[in-house]
Amino acid sequence: MLASLKENWTKINELLIDRKEFNYLTPVNYRVSKEQKRWSFVSGEHVTGVVLDLGAGKLPARRLLQPLASYYVSVDRYPEHPELTLLGDAQSLPFKDRSFDTVHCISLLEHLPRPWEAAEEMARVLKKGGKVILRVPHIYYIHGQPHDYYRYTGFGVKSLFENAGLEVVSLVPHTGQVGFIASVPMTLMLSLLYPCRPLFWAYYYVNKLLVILISRIDDALASLERNYLPLSYTLIAKK
């Protein structure tokens, strides 16, 4: 039963990852989509120049990054998309020092056995003044077996990149206590209903309204500095 639910959840993500509906699956998806829109508006501040999309996978971030880049490079260890620029290991990047203005790395670090080496490599290939934009999970189910090694607190991921010689300029938690609690039943309900598409889509729109409401509640709690259970963090670090 559990294996079937996980398989359904994977299929849901693959179905929606390039569609706006993906942003309303869970509170964390919604928060991250808002952050991505913010990056689009302030592209000159964060995403600029020669961009490395590290751990690019099926290229879900390409549509956001490529219009902002003077040159876009996508790298993944596995050939998950035919249009990947090249295959490579984040712990030993095949690039010269100071090659990139921006390194974008989403949901990769937890899958690396030596994440400190990846942080050092990102710092190495960044130009002076360049930035890393990175997201890591704090609380998340085991995925990508057997290569799922770590979960990160904000303190942990900040320390990792400071030790690599970068200055952390932003560290944003995604969702909080309410979003954490709600994400479990949301994921279960969507996964249970997925085989029956009419029921799945009927519930999806109820789920969408709940995601927006819960995110607003978590925003209010975060303003009170009571965000003790974020599902993930986005970090921006500068060289």
Protein backbone atom coordinates (compact mmCIF):
# COMPACT_ATOMS: atom_id res chain seq x y z
CA MET A 1 0.00 0.00 0.00
CA LEU A 2 2.71 2.48 1.01
CA ALA A 3 4.78 1.62 -2.06
CA SER A 4 1.74 2.22 -4.26
CA LEU A 5 1.10 5.62 -2.67
CA LYS A 6 4.73 6.67 -3.16
CA GLU A 7 4.55 5.56 -6.80
CA ASN A 8 1.36 7.59 -7.29
CA TRP A 9 2.96 10.66 -5.67
CA THR A 10 5.93 10.35 -8.02
CA LYS A 11 3.56 10.13 -11.01
CA ILE A 12 1.66 13.22 -9.82
CA ASN A 13 4.89 15.21 -9.59
CA GLU A 14 6.04 14.04 -13.02
CA LEU A 15 2.64 14.92 -14.53
CA LEU A 16 2.48 18.44 -13.09
CA ILE A 17 6.10 19.56 -12.71
CA ASP A 18 5.98 21.79 -15.83
CA ARG A 19 2.47 23.11 -15.10
CA LYS A 20 1.20 25.80 -12.74
CA GLU A 21 -0.87 23.17 -10.91
CA PHE A 22 2.39 21.84 -9.44
CA ASN A 23 2.61 24.96 -7.27
CA TYR A 24 -0.52 24.01 -5.33
CA LEU A 25 0.22 20.39 -4.43
CA THR A 26 1.59 21.26 -0.98
CA PRO A 27 2.31 24.42 1.05
CA VAL A 28 6.05 24.10 0.33
CA ASN A 29 5.46 24.00 -3.46
CA TYR A 30 3.38 27.15 -3.15
CA ARG A 31 5.99 28.99 -1.10
CA VAL A 32 8.80 28.01 -3.46
CA SER A 33 6.78 29.18 -6.48
CA LYS A 34 6.33 32.57 -4.81
CA GLU A 35 10.08 32.75 -4.20
CA GLN A 36 10.76 31.91 -7.86
CA LYS A 37 8.46 34.72 -8.99
CA ARG A 38 10.29 37.07 -6.66
CA TRP A 39 13.62 35.98 -8.21
CA SER A 40 12.18 36.72 -11.67
CA PHE A 41 11.35 40.29 -10.64
CA VAL A 42 14.77 40.88 -9.07
CA SER A 43 16.74 38.86 -11.62
CA GLY A 44 19.54 41.41 -11.73
CA GLU A 45 20.09 40.86 -8.02
CA HIS A 46 20.11 37.06 -7.89
CA VAL A 47 19.96 35.22 -11.26
CA THR A 48 22.25 36.77 -13.84
CA GLY A 49 25.07 36.14 -16.30
CA VAL A 50 26.39 32.64 -16.97
CA VAL A 51 24.11 30.28 -15.02
CA LEU A 52 24.83 26.71 -13.87
CA ASP A 53 21.71 24.64 -13.18
CA LEU A 54 23.26 21.96 -10.96
CA GLY A 55 21.32 18.75 -10.40
CA ALA A 56 19.08 19.89 -13.24
CA GLY A 57 17.25 16.55 -13.59
CA LYS A 58 14.31 16.86 -15.98
CA LEU A 59 15.04 20.61 -16.41
CA PRO A 60 12.05 21.98 -14.44
CA ALA A 61 13.96 25.19 -13.63
CA ARG A 62 15.09 25.89 -17.19
CA ARG A 63 12.00 27.93 -18.06
CA LEU A 64 12.77 30.28 -15.15
CA LEU A 65 16.56 30.48 -15.51
CA GLN A 66 17.23 30.52 -19.24
CA PRO A 67 15.51 33.86 -20.00
CA LEU A 68 17.54 35.48 -17.21
CA ALA A 69 20.91 34.06 -18.26
CA SER A 70 23.42 35.26 -20.82
CA TYR A 71 24.35 31.57 -21.11
CA TYR A 72 22.62 28.57 -19.49
CA VAL A 73 24.39 25.31 -18.55
CA SER A 74 22.53 22.30 -17.12
CA VAL A 75 24.34 19.45 -15.35
CA ASP A 76 23.15 16.24 -13.74
CA ARG A 77 24.82 12.98 -12.83
CA TYR A 78 22.12 11.00 -14.64
CA PRO A 79 20.75 11.47 -18.21
CA GLU A 80 17.22 12.37 -17.12
CA HIS A 81 16.60 14.77 -20.02
CA PRO A 82 17.92 14.60 -23.60
CA GLU A 83 18.72 18.34 -23.59
CA LEU A 84 21.05 18.34 -20.56
CA THR A 85 24.23 20.24 -21.41
CA LEU A 86 26.45 17.55 -19.88
CA LEU A 87 26.70 14.84 -17.23
CA GLY A 88 28.78 15.52 -14.12
CA ASP A 89 29.24 15.07 -10.38
CA ALA A 90 28.48 18.07 -8.14
CA GLN A 91 31.27 16.93 -5.82
CA SER A 92 33.84 17.26 -8.65
CA LEU A 93 32.62 19.72 -11.25
CA PRO A 94 34.20 19.63 -14.74
CA PHE A 95 34.63 23.41 -14.97
CA LYS A 96 37.44 25.90 -14.52
CA ASP A 97 37.59 28.22 -11.52
CA ARG A 98 35.37 31.32 -11.68
CA SER A 99 33.25 30.09 -14.62
CA PHE A 100 29.75 31.11 -13.47
CA ASP A 101 27.85 34.14 -12.21
CA THR A 102 25.03 32.05 -10.71
CA VAL A 103 24.79 28.47 -9.45
CA HIS A 104 21.22 27.20 -9.07
CA CYS A 105 20.93 23.97 -7.05
CA ILE A 106 17.51 22.70 -5.99
CA SER A 107 16.87 19.50 -4.00
CA LEU A 108 20.28 17.98 -4.75
CA LEU A 109 22.42 18.36 -1.63
CA GLU A 110 20.54 15.70 0.37
CA HIS A 111 21.46 13.12 -2.30
CA LEU A 112 25.23 13.66 -2.07
CA PRO A 113 27.37 11.58 0.31
CA ARG A 114 29.91 14.44 0.61
CA PRO A 115 27.89 17.67 0.45
CA TRP A 116 30.78 19.72 1.85
CA GLU A 117 32.73 18.92 -1.32
CA ALA A 118 29.80 20.10 -3.44
CA ALA A 119 29.64 23.37 -1.48
CA GLU A 120 33.38 23.88 -2.05
CA GLU A 121 32.98 23.12 -5.76
CA MET A 122 30.14 25.62 -6.11
CA ALA A 123 32.31 28.25 -4.43
CA ARG A 124 35.24 27.36 -6.70
CA VAL A 125 33.36 27.73 -9.99
CA LEU A 126 31.65 30.99 -8.95
CA LYS A 127 33.04 34.29 -10.16
CA LYS A 128 33.72 36.97 -7.56
CA GLY A 129 30.38 38.52 -6.65
CA GLY A 130 28.53 35.46 -7.99
CA LYS A 131 25.73 33.76 -6.09
CA VAL A 132 24.53 30.28 -5.16
CA ILE A 133 20.76 29.80 -5.00
CA LEU A 134 20.03 26.53 -3.25
CA ARG A 135 17.14 24.65 -1.66
CA VAL A 136 17.45 21.77 0.83
CA PRO A 137 14.87 19.75 2.80
CA HIS A 138 14.58 19.90 6.57
CA ILE A 139 11.75 17.37 6.98
CA TYR A 140 10.94 15.09 4.05
CA TYR A 141 10.25 11.43 3.32
CA ILE A 142 13.02 9.13 2.09
CA HIS A 143 13.30 9.45 -1.70
CA GLY A 144 15.74 8.66 -4.48
CA GLN A 145 16.88 5.50 -2.70
CA PRO A 146 19.58 4.50 -2.01
CA HIS A 147 21.08 7.96 -2.54
CA ASP A 148 19.27 9.91 0.18
CA TYR A 149 21.75 10.88 2.89
CA TYR A 150 20.95 14.12 4.73
CA ARG A 151 18.35 16.58 6.03
CA TYR A 152 19.35 20.14 6.95
CA THR A 153 18.52 22.70 9.59
CA GLY A 154 19.00 26.33 8.66
CA PHE A 155 22.04 26.42 10.94
CA GLY A 156 23.55 23.39 9.21
CA VAL A 157 23.23 24.55 5.61
CA LYS A 158 24.41 28.06 6.55
CA SER A 159 27.52 26.60 8.21
CA LEU A 160 28.20 24.37 5.19
CA PHE A 161 28.45 27.30 2.77
CA GLU A 162 30.20 29.66 5.16
CA ASN A 163 32.87 26.98 5.63
CA ALA A 164 33.21 26.89 1.82
CA GLY A 165 34.11 30.58 1.91
CA LEU A 166 30.79 32.13 0.87
CA GLU A 167 28.71 34.82 2.58
CA VAL A 168 25.12 33.76 3.28
CA VAL A 169 22.94 36.74 2.38
CA SER A 170 19.51 35.10 2.70
CA LEU A 171 18.07 32.01 4.39
CA VAL A 172 14.31 31.53 3.93
CA PRO A 173 12.26 28.74 5.60
CA HIS A 174 9.41 27.27 3.55
CA THR A 175 6.19 26.70 5.50
CA GLY A 176 6.09 25.99 9.20
CA GLN A 177 4.14 24.07 11.81
CA VAL A 178 0.75 24.19 10.07
CA GLY A 179 2.22 23.46 6.63
CA PHE A 180 4.25 20.58 8.06
CA ILE A 181 1.18 18.99 9.67
CA ALA A 182 -1.02 19.56 6.61
CA SER A 183 1.44 18.25 4.02
CA VAL A 184 1.08 14.65 5.20
CA PRO A 185 -2.71 14.28 4.71
CA MET A 186 -2.55 16.38 1.51
CA THR A 187 0.07 14.07 0.01
CA LEU A 188 -1.87 10.98 1.11
CA MET A 189 -5.21 12.18 -0.27
CA LEU A 190 -3.78 13.20 -3.63
CA SER A 191 -1.92 9.89 -3.92
CA LEU A 192 -4.98 7.84 -2.94
CA LEU A 193 -7.23 9.59 -5.45
CA TYR A 194 -4.77 9.73 -8.35
CA PRO A 195 -5.93 6.46 -10.01
CA CYS A 196 -9.45 7.96 -10.32
CA ARG A 197 -8.76 11.16 -12.26
CA PRO A 198 -12.20 12.85 -11.84
CA LEU A 199 -11.98 12.47 -8.04
CA PHE A 200 -8.32 13.50 -8.07
CA TRP A 201 -9.02 16.77 -9.89
CA ALA A 202 -12.11 17.51 -7.80
CA TYR A 203 -10.04 17.18 -4.62
CA TYR A 204 -7.09 19.01 -6.18
CA TYR A 205 -9.03 22.30 -6.30
CA VAL A 206 -10.08 21.92 -2.66
CA ASN A 207 -6.44 21.18 -1.86
CA LYS A 208 -5.38 24.33 -3.74
CA LEU A 209 -7.55 26.56 -1.54
CA LEU A 210 -6.23 24.83 1.59
CA VAL A 211 -2.62 25.34 0.45
CA ILE A 212 -3.17 29.09 0.04
CA LEU A 213 -4.92 29.39 3.42
CA ILE A 214 -2.27 27.36 5.26
CA SER A 215 0.56 29.33 3.67
CA ARG A 216 -0.98 32.57 4.92
CA ILE A 217 -1.24 31.15 8.43
CA ASP A 218 2.39 30.07 8.34
CA ASP A 219 3.41 33.51 7.04
CA ALA A 220 1.72 35.06 10.06
CA LEU A 221 3.49 32.66 12.44
CA ALA A 222 6.83 33.30 10.73
CA SER A 223 6.39 37.04 11.30
CA LEU A 224 6.18 36.19 15.01
CA GLU A 225 9.44 34.17 14.72
CA ARG A 226 7.64 30.94 15.58
CA ASN A 227 8.56 28.90 12.52
CA TYR A 228 10.02 25.85 14.26
CA LEU A 229 9.10 23.18 11.69
CA PRO A 230 9.98 24.33 8.16
CA LEU A 231 9.83 21.65 5.49
CA SER A 232 12.76 23.15 3.59
CA TYR A 233 15.09 26.15 3.27
CA THR A 234 16.22 28.34 0.40
CA LEU A 235 19.71 29.77 0.80
CA ILE A 236 21.38 32.51 -1.22
CA ALA A 237 25.14 32.82 -0.72
CA LYS A 238 27.59 35.24 -2.33
CA LYS A 239 31.27 34.92 -3.20
